Structure formats: C-alpha cells, structure tokens
Amino acid sequence: MQRGIGSIGYTAATAYDPQEREGFTAPALLPQMEQPARTPLFGDTASGPTAQKYRGYVFDPYVGKPNPTDPRPGTPLVADRDLVLELNHLPPAQLKPLFARHFATGDNRGRATIILAHGHAKTFSTASILAQEKRANLLWRFR
C-alpha cells in the first residue's frame, strides 16, 4: 500500500521514528496512556496520491487545535470535507487530518470512527472533537 492510500490512519502520538522527523525516538507503550478508554489510536483519514500530499496512514494531534489549559485534549485537524485538498498550501507533515466522512455535509456535521486504546470503536462528530474536553472528551496527546 502506498503511504497516501489508506482510509484508516494511526495517531502520530504512537509514531516511532528513530530520526525523530515525524515521530518519537521511543515506542509508545500502553502504560503511558493515563486513560486508554479516552485515548484515540486509529481513525478515519483522507486518502489519495502522495504527489498531492496525502498521508492517509496517519493523523496528527500535534498539528491541530491546541488546548490552552491542558495539552492532552489538543486535537488533530478534523473536518467532514477533505482538508488535504483545502489546505494543500501546507507542507505534507502538517496535512495529517481526520476525515469525518460518515454523514458528511461539508459543514462539520459528519462523523469520524475512532478506535480507542482500550479496544472499542466509537463515532464522534466533528463538532464534538473540536470542542475537546467539553464534548468528545478525548486525550489525543499522551507524551
């Protein structure tokens, strides 16, 4: 499978990269996750040709909306439209969004399927993900 082709991506919070270009120099371990039931590991992602900057195998909670009081609920880029096309002026490393493709209307009412670290899958609306701890209450960053 090519890097850009994949509709389910893993979180960059678990990315192991010894050169630390797009990940961490140490592997992620379950004990690092304070609350696995609130920690996303996999989710729906936008996919397409890598020549068009798609990185469908991964989404990145470190390039999205930060939380001003607690870094753990900071979110990845997320929308119910293709943000890779919309934000194509950004470098590929910053284009790792979740794609809330289910019931998408283009106005962030769509839903993304998220697989949590404790093994359950659940869908979340774009609006609830963007609301951070007020609605989806997910811990995207754990290191």
N, C-alpha and C. Protein backbone atom coordinates (compact mmCIF):
# COMPACT_ATOMS: atom_id res chain seq x y z
N MET A 1 0.85 -1.18 0.00
CA MET A 1 0.00 0.00 0.00
C MET A 1 0.89 1.24 0.00
N GLN A 2 0.51 2.23 -0.77
CA GLN A 2 1.25 3.48 -0.80
C GLN A 2 0.96 4.30 0.45
N ARG A 3 1.88 5.18 0.80
CA ARG A 3 1.72 5.99 2.01
C ARG A 3 0.44 6.80 2.04
N GLY A 4 0.00 7.32 0.91
CA GLY A 4 -1.18 8.18 0.89
C GLY A 4 -2.49 7.44 0.80
N ILE A 5 -2.44 6.17 0.42
CA ILE A 5 -3.66 5.41 0.21
C ILE A 5 -3.98 4.62 1.47
N GLY A 6 -5.01 5.00 2.13
CA GLY A 6 -5.44 4.33 3.34
C GLY A 6 -6.52 5.17 3.98
N SER A 7 -7.63 4.57 4.29
CA SER A 7 -8.73 5.37 4.85
C SER A 7 -8.79 5.27 6.36
N ILE A 8 -7.92 4.47 6.95
CA ILE A 8 -7.80 4.40 8.41
C ILE A 8 -6.34 4.68 8.74
N GLY A 9 -6.11 5.67 9.59
CA GLY A 9 -4.76 6.03 9.97
C GLY A 9 -4.54 5.87 11.45
N TYR A 10 -3.29 5.72 11.84
CA TYR A 10 -2.94 5.67 13.26
C TYR A 10 -2.55 7.07 13.72
N THR A 11 -2.57 7.28 15.02
CA THR A 11 -2.21 8.59 15.56
C THR A 11 -0.70 8.77 15.56
N ALA A 12 -0.24 9.96 15.21
CA ALA A 12 1.18 10.28 15.24
C ALA A 12 1.72 10.25 16.67
N ALA A 13 0.85 10.26 17.67
CA ALA A 13 1.29 10.16 19.06
C ALA A 13 1.95 8.81 19.33
N THR A 14 1.69 7.81 18.48
CA THR A 14 2.31 6.49 18.64
C THR A 14 3.42 6.25 17.63
N ALA A 15 3.74 7.25 16.80
CA ALA A 15 4.72 7.06 15.73
C ALA A 15 6.13 6.89 16.29
N TYR A 16 6.75 5.78 15.94
CA TYR A 16 8.14 5.52 16.33
C TYR A 16 9.04 5.86 15.15
N ASP A 17 9.94 6.80 15.34
CA ASP A 17 10.84 7.25 14.28
C ASP A 17 12.20 7.55 14.92
N PRO A 18 13.17 6.65 14.79
CA PRO A 18 14.47 6.87 15.43
C PRO A 18 15.14 8.19 15.03
N GLN A 19 14.86 8.71 13.82
CA GLN A 19 15.43 10.00 13.40
C GLN A 19 14.60 11.19 13.89
N GLU A 20 13.45 10.95 14.49
CA GLU A 20 12.57 11.97 15.05
C GLU A 20 12.16 13.03 14.03
N ARG A 21 11.89 12.60 12.78
CA ARG A 21 11.41 13.53 11.76
C ARG A 21 9.89 13.65 11.82
N GLU A 22 9.21 12.52 11.96
CA GLU A 22 7.75 12.53 12.01
C GLU A 22 7.22 11.65 13.13
N GLY A 23 8.00 11.44 14.14
CA GLY A 23 7.57 10.61 15.24
C GLY A 23 8.50 10.78 16.43
N PHE A 24 8.45 9.82 17.33
CA PHE A 24 9.21 9.88 18.57
C PHE A 24 10.33 8.85 18.55
N THR A 25 11.39 9.11 19.29
CA THR A 25 12.54 8.20 19.31
C THR A 25 12.31 6.99 20.19
N ALA A 26 11.24 6.96 20.96
CA ALA A 26 10.90 5.80 21.79
C ALA A 26 9.50 5.32 21.43
N PRO A 27 9.28 4.01 21.38
CA PRO A 27 7.94 3.50 21.06
C PRO A 27 6.92 3.89 22.14
N ALA A 28 5.67 4.04 21.74
CA ALA A 28 4.58 4.33 22.68
C ALA A 28 4.19 3.04 23.39
N LEU A 29 3.93 3.14 24.67
CA LEU A 29 3.52 1.99 25.46
C LEU A 29 2.18 2.27 26.14
N LEU A 30 1.37 1.25 26.29
CA LEU A 30 0.05 1.41 26.91
C LEU A 30 0.13 2.07 28.29
N PRO A 31 1.11 1.74 29.14
CA PRO A 31 1.17 2.41 30.46
C PRO A 31 1.36 3.93 30.38
N GLN A 32 1.81 4.45 29.23
CA GLN A 32 1.95 5.91 29.08
C GLN A 32 0.59 6.58 28.95
N MET A 33 -0.42 5.82 28.61
CA MET A 33 -1.75 6.37 28.39
C MET A 33 -2.52 6.35 29.71
N GLU A 34 -2.76 7.53 30.26
CA GLU A 34 -3.44 7.62 31.55
C GLU A 34 -4.82 6.98 31.53
N GLN A 35 -5.56 7.19 30.44
CA GLN A 35 -6.92 6.69 30.34
C GLN A 35 -7.13 6.09 28.94
N PRO A 36 -6.81 4.80 28.74
CA PRO A 36 -6.94 4.19 27.42
C PRO A 36 -8.34 4.31 26.81
N ALA A 37 -9.37 4.37 27.64
CA ALA A 37 -10.74 4.49 27.13
C ALA A 37 -11.00 5.87 26.51
N ARG A 38 -10.12 6.83 26.74
CA ARG A 38 -10.26 8.18 26.17
C ARG A 38 -9.13 8.51 25.20
N THR A 39 -8.29 7.53 24.87
CA THR A 39 -7.11 7.77 24.05
C THR A 39 -7.28 7.18 22.65
N PRO A 40 -7.45 8.02 21.62
CA PRO A 40 -7.58 7.53 20.24
C PRO A 40 -6.28 6.92 19.72
N LEU A 41 -6.40 5.79 19.03
CA LEU A 41 -5.25 5.18 18.37
C LEU A 41 -5.38 5.17 16.85
N PHE A 42 -6.60 4.95 16.34
CA PHE A 42 -6.85 4.89 14.90
C PHE A 42 -8.09 5.71 14.58
N GLY A 43 -8.16 6.21 13.35
CA GLY A 43 -9.34 6.96 12.93
C GLY A 43 -9.43 7.09 11.43
N ASP A 44 -10.59 7.54 10.96
CA ASP A 44 -10.82 7.77 9.54
C ASP A 44 -9.90 8.89 9.05
N THR A 45 -9.25 8.66 7.92
CA THR A 45 -8.35 9.66 7.37
C THR A 45 -8.63 9.87 5.88
N ALA A 46 -8.21 11.02 5.38
CA ALA A 46 -8.33 11.32 3.95
C ALA A 46 -7.23 10.57 3.22
N SER A 47 -7.54 10.06 2.04
CA SER A 47 -6.52 9.32 1.30
C SER A 47 -6.50 9.74 -0.16
N GLY A 48 -5.35 9.55 -0.76
CA GLY A 48 -5.16 9.90 -2.16
C GLY A 48 -3.69 9.81 -2.52
N PRO A 49 -3.30 10.30 -3.68
CA PRO A 49 -1.91 10.18 -4.13
C PRO A 49 -0.96 11.01 -3.26
N THR A 50 0.20 10.45 -2.96
CA THR A 50 1.19 11.19 -2.17
C THR A 50 1.69 12.42 -2.92
N ALA A 51 1.64 12.40 -4.25
CA ALA A 51 2.03 13.58 -5.04
C ALA A 51 1.13 14.77 -4.72
N GLN A 52 -0.07 14.50 -4.19
CA GLN A 52 -0.99 15.57 -3.79
C GLN A 52 -0.98 15.77 -2.27
N LYS A 53 0.07 15.28 -1.61
CA LYS A 53 0.35 15.48 -0.18
C LYS A 53 -0.50 14.63 0.76
N TYR A 54 -1.16 13.60 0.26
CA TYR A 54 -1.94 12.73 1.15
C TYR A 54 -1.03 11.87 1.99
N ARG A 55 -1.39 11.71 3.26
CA ARG A 55 -0.69 10.85 4.21
C ARG A 55 -1.75 10.01 4.91
N GLY A 56 -2.56 9.29 4.15
CA GLY A 56 -3.74 8.61 4.67
C GLY A 56 -3.51 7.60 5.75
N TYR A 57 -2.26 7.23 6.00
CA TYR A 57 -1.96 6.22 7.01
C TYR A 57 -1.86 6.80 8.42
N VAL A 58 -1.92 8.13 8.56
CA VAL A 58 -1.68 8.74 9.87
C VAL A 58 -2.48 10.03 10.02
N PHE A 59 -2.89 10.32 11.26
CA PHE A 59 -3.41 11.64 11.60
C PHE A 59 -2.57 12.17 12.76
N ASP A 60 -2.49 13.47 12.89
CA ASP A 60 -1.53 14.04 13.84
C ASP A 60 -2.18 15.03 14.80
N PRO A 61 -2.30 14.66 16.08
CA PRO A 61 -2.89 15.58 17.06
C PRO A 61 -1.96 16.72 17.46
N TYR A 62 -0.73 16.72 16.94
CA TYR A 62 0.22 17.78 17.28
C TYR A 62 0.20 18.93 16.28
N VAL A 63 -0.58 18.83 15.21
CA VAL A 63 -0.65 19.93 14.23
C VAL A 63 -2.03 20.58 14.19
N GLY A 64 -2.94 20.15 15.02
CA GLY A 64 -4.29 20.69 15.02
C GLY A 64 -4.48 21.75 16.09
N LYS A 65 -5.68 21.79 16.59
CA LYS A 65 -6.09 22.82 17.56
C LYS A 65 -5.53 22.49 18.96
N PRO A 66 -4.66 23.36 19.51
CA PRO A 66 -4.15 23.12 20.86
C PRO A 66 -5.21 23.47 21.91
N ASN A 67 -5.04 22.91 23.09
CA ASN A 67 -5.90 23.24 24.22
C ASN A 67 -5.12 24.23 25.08
N PRO A 68 -5.71 25.38 25.42
CA PRO A 68 -4.95 26.41 26.15
C PRO A 68 -4.59 26.05 27.59
N THR A 69 -5.29 25.10 28.21
CA THR A 69 -5.02 24.78 29.61
C THR A 69 -4.40 23.40 29.84
N ASP A 70 -4.61 22.47 28.92
CA ASP A 70 -4.11 21.11 29.10
C ASP A 70 -3.76 20.56 27.71
N PRO A 71 -2.50 20.22 27.43
CA PRO A 71 -2.13 19.78 26.09
C PRO A 71 -2.74 18.43 25.67
N ARG A 72 -3.14 17.60 26.60
CA ARG A 72 -3.65 16.27 26.26
C ARG A 72 -4.89 16.28 25.38
N PRO A 73 -5.87 17.17 25.57
CA PRO A 73 -7.03 17.18 24.68
C PRO A 73 -6.81 17.90 23.35
N GLY A 74 -5.62 18.42 23.08
CA GLY A 74 -5.38 19.06 21.78
C GLY A 74 -5.77 18.10 20.66
N THR A 75 -6.33 18.62 19.59
CA THR A 75 -6.91 17.76 18.55
C THR A 75 -6.15 17.81 17.24
N PRO A 76 -6.31 16.79 16.41
CA PRO A 76 -5.77 16.85 15.06
C PRO A 76 -6.64 17.77 14.21
N LEU A 77 -6.18 18.07 13.01
CA LEU A 77 -7.06 18.72 12.04
C LEU A 77 -8.21 17.75 11.79
N VAL A 78 -9.42 18.24 11.73
CA VAL A 78 -10.58 17.38 11.51
C VAL A 78 -11.67 18.18 10.83
N ALA A 79 -12.34 17.54 9.88
CA ALA A 79 -13.47 18.16 9.18
C ALA A 79 -14.25 17.06 8.48
N ASP A 80 -15.44 17.41 8.00
CA ASP A 80 -16.19 16.43 7.21
C ASP A 80 -16.07 16.74 5.72
N ARG A 81 -14.96 17.34 5.37
CA ARG A 81 -14.57 17.57 3.98
C ARG A 81 -13.07 17.29 3.89
N ASP A 82 -12.54 17.19 2.71
CA ASP A 82 -11.14 16.80 2.51
C ASP A 82 -10.22 17.98 2.80
N LEU A 83 -9.63 18.00 3.98
CA LEU A 83 -8.74 19.09 4.36
C LEU A 83 -7.41 19.06 3.62
N VAL A 84 -7.01 17.90 3.10
CA VAL A 84 -5.76 17.86 2.33
C VAL A 84 -5.92 18.71 1.07
N LEU A 85 -7.04 18.60 0.41
CA LEU A 85 -7.29 19.45 -0.75
C LEU A 85 -7.44 20.91 -0.35
N GLU A 86 -8.15 21.14 0.73
CA GLU A 86 -8.44 22.51 1.15
C GLU A 86 -7.21 23.25 1.65
N LEU A 87 -6.30 22.55 2.32
CA LEU A 87 -5.11 23.18 2.93
C LEU A 87 -3.83 22.77 2.21
N ASN A 88 -3.93 22.51 0.92
CA ASN A 88 -2.80 21.98 0.15
C ASN A 88 -1.59 22.91 0.12
N HIS A 89 -1.72 24.15 0.55
CA HIS A 89 -0.58 25.06 0.61
C HIS A 89 0.37 24.70 1.75
N LEU A 90 -0.08 23.89 2.71
CA LEU A 90 0.76 23.47 3.84
C LEU A 90 1.69 22.34 3.42
N PRO A 91 2.83 22.16 4.13
CA PRO A 91 3.71 21.03 3.83
C PRO A 91 3.04 19.71 4.23
N PRO A 92 3.44 18.59 3.60
CA PRO A 92 2.81 17.29 3.90
C PRO A 92 2.80 16.92 5.38
N ALA A 93 3.84 17.28 6.13
CA ALA A 93 3.90 16.93 7.56
C ALA A 93 2.79 17.58 8.36
N GLN A 94 2.20 18.66 7.86
CA GLN A 94 1.11 19.34 8.55
C GLN A 94 -0.26 18.95 8.01
N LEU A 95 -0.29 18.05 7.04
CA LEU A 95 -1.55 17.63 6.42
C LEU A 95 -1.88 16.19 6.79
N LYS A 96 -2.14 15.98 8.05
CA LYS A 96 -2.48 14.65 8.54
C LYS A 96 -3.80 14.74 9.32
N PRO A 97 -4.91 15.02 8.61
CA PRO A 97 -6.19 15.23 9.29
C PRO A 97 -7.01 13.96 9.47
N LEU A 98 -7.95 14.04 10.39
CA LEU A 98 -9.05 13.08 10.44
C LEU A 98 -10.08 13.53 9.42
N PHE A 99 -10.77 12.58 8.83
CA PHE A 99 -11.79 12.91 7.83
C PHE A 99 -13.11 12.32 8.32
N ALA A 100 -14.01 13.17 8.78
CA ALA A 100 -15.31 12.75 9.31
C ALA A 100 -16.24 12.49 8.13
N ARG A 101 -15.98 11.41 7.40
CA ARG A 101 -16.66 11.13 6.13
C ARG A 101 -18.07 10.59 6.29
N HIS A 102 -18.40 10.02 7.43
CA HIS A 102 -19.72 9.42 7.61
C HIS A 102 -20.77 10.51 7.84
N PHE A 103 -21.79 10.51 7.01
CA PHE A 103 -22.87 11.51 7.05
C PHE A 103 -22.35 12.92 6.82
N ALA A 104 -21.27 13.04 6.05
CA ALA A 104 -20.65 14.34 5.78
C ALA A 104 -21.58 15.25 4.99
N THR A 105 -21.63 16.50 5.41
CA THR A 105 -22.43 17.52 4.72
C THR A 105 -21.57 18.70 4.28
N GLY A 106 -20.31 18.71 4.70
CA GLY A 106 -19.41 19.82 4.38
C GLY A 106 -19.43 20.94 5.40
N ASP A 107 -20.28 20.82 6.42
CA ASP A 107 -20.35 21.86 7.46
C ASP A 107 -20.05 21.31 8.85
N ASN A 108 -19.22 20.28 8.90
CA ASN A 108 -18.73 19.67 10.14
C ASN A 108 -19.80 18.97 10.98
N ARG A 109 -20.81 18.43 10.31
CA ARG A 109 -21.77 17.58 11.00
C ARG A 109 -21.42 16.10 10.82
N GLY A 110 -20.47 15.81 9.94
CA GLY A 110 -20.06 14.43 9.68
C GLY A 110 -19.42 13.80 10.90
N ARG A 111 -19.28 12.47 10.83
CA ARG A 111 -18.74 11.72 11.96
C ARG A 111 -17.51 10.93 11.53
N ALA A 112 -16.56 10.80 12.44
CA ALA A 112 -15.35 10.01 12.23
C ALA A 112 -15.39 8.82 13.17
N THR A 113 -14.99 7.67 12.67
CA THR A 113 -14.86 6.50 13.53
C THR A 113 -13.48 6.51 14.15
N ILE A 114 -13.45 6.36 15.47
CA ILE A 114 -12.20 6.37 16.25
C ILE A 114 -12.10 5.04 16.99
N ILE A 115 -10.93 4.42 16.93
CA ILE A 115 -10.65 3.22 17.72
C ILE A 115 -9.79 3.66 18.89
N LEU A 116 -10.27 3.37 20.08
CA LEU A 116 -9.62 3.82 21.31
C LEU A 116 -8.63 2.76 21.81
N ALA A 117 -7.70 3.20 22.64
CA ALA A 117 -6.62 2.32 23.10
C ALA A 117 -7.11 1.13 23.91
N HIS A 118 -8.28 1.19 24.49
CA HIS A 118 -8.79 0.05 25.25
C HIS A 118 -9.51 -0.95 24.35
N GLY A 119 -9.58 -0.66 23.02
CA GLY A 119 -10.09 -1.63 22.07
C GLY A 119 -11.46 -1.36 21.50
N HIS A 120 -12.18 -0.39 22.00
CA HIS A 120 -13.52 -0.09 21.48
C HIS A 120 -13.46 0.92 20.34
N ALA A 121 -14.45 0.85 19.46
CA ALA A 121 -14.61 1.83 18.38
C ALA A 121 -15.86 2.65 18.66
N LYS A 122 -15.79 3.92 18.29
CA LYS A 122 -16.92 4.81 18.50
C LYS A 122 -16.87 5.90 17.44
N THR A 123 -18.03 6.42 17.04
CA THR A 123 -18.03 7.55 16.11
C THR A 123 -18.22 8.84 16.90
N PHE A 124 -17.55 9.87 16.40
CA PHE A 124 -17.63 11.20 17.02
C PHE A 124 -17.91 12.22 15.92
N SER A 125 -18.75 13.19 16.21
CA SER A 125 -18.98 14.27 15.25
C SER A 125 -17.76 15.19 15.23
N THR A 126 -17.60 15.85 14.11
CA THR A 126 -16.52 16.82 14.01
C THR A 126 -16.65 17.88 15.09
N ALA A 127 -17.86 18.37 15.30
CA ALA A 127 -18.09 19.41 16.31
C ALA A 127 -17.67 18.95 17.70
N SER A 128 -17.97 17.69 18.05
CA SER A 128 -17.60 17.22 19.39
C SER A 128 -16.10 17.05 19.53
N ILE A 129 -15.42 16.65 18.45
CA ILE A 129 -13.96 16.53 18.50
C ILE A 129 -13.33 17.91 18.67
N LEU A 130 -13.82 18.88 17.93
CA LEU A 130 -13.27 20.23 18.02
C LEU A 130 -13.57 20.89 19.37
N ALA A 131 -14.63 20.47 20.04
CA ALA A 131 -14.96 21.03 21.35
C ALA A 131 -14.03 20.50 22.44
N GLN A 132 -13.18 19.54 22.11
CA GLN A 132 -12.20 18.95 23.02
C GLN A 132 -12.86 18.38 24.27
N GLU A 133 -12.42 18.76 25.44
CA GLU A 133 -12.89 18.09 26.66
C GLU A 133 -14.35 18.38 26.99
N LYS A 134 -14.96 19.34 26.34
CA LYS A 134 -16.36 19.67 26.65
C LYS A 134 -17.34 18.65 26.09
N ARG A 135 -16.97 17.94 24.97
CA ARG A 135 -17.94 17.04 24.36
C ARG A 135 -17.35 15.66 24.10
N ALA A 136 -16.37 15.54 23.22
CA ALA A 136 -15.81 14.22 22.93
C ALA A 136 -14.95 13.74 24.10
N ASN A 137 -14.31 14.66 24.80
CA ASN A 137 -13.54 14.35 25.99
C ASN A 137 -12.46 13.30 25.72
N LEU A 138 -11.70 13.49 24.64
CA LEU A 138 -10.65 12.55 24.27
C LEU A 138 -9.28 13.12 24.62
N LEU A 139 -8.35 12.23 24.93
CA LEU A 139 -6.97 12.60 25.23
C LEU A 139 -6.10 12.21 24.04
N TRP A 140 -5.88 13.13 23.13
CA TRP A 140 -5.17 12.85 21.88
C TRP A 140 -3.66 12.78 22.06
N ARG A 141 -3.14 13.54 23.00
CA ARG A 141 -1.68 13.62 23.21
C ARG A 141 -1.35 13.00 24.55
N PHE A 142 -0.42 12.06 24.55
CA PHE A 142 -0.09 11.44 25.83
C PHE A 142 1.40 11.40 26.10
N ARG A 143 2.17 12.11 25.30
CA ARG A 143 3.59 12.24 25.62
C ARG A 143 4.13 13.54 25.10
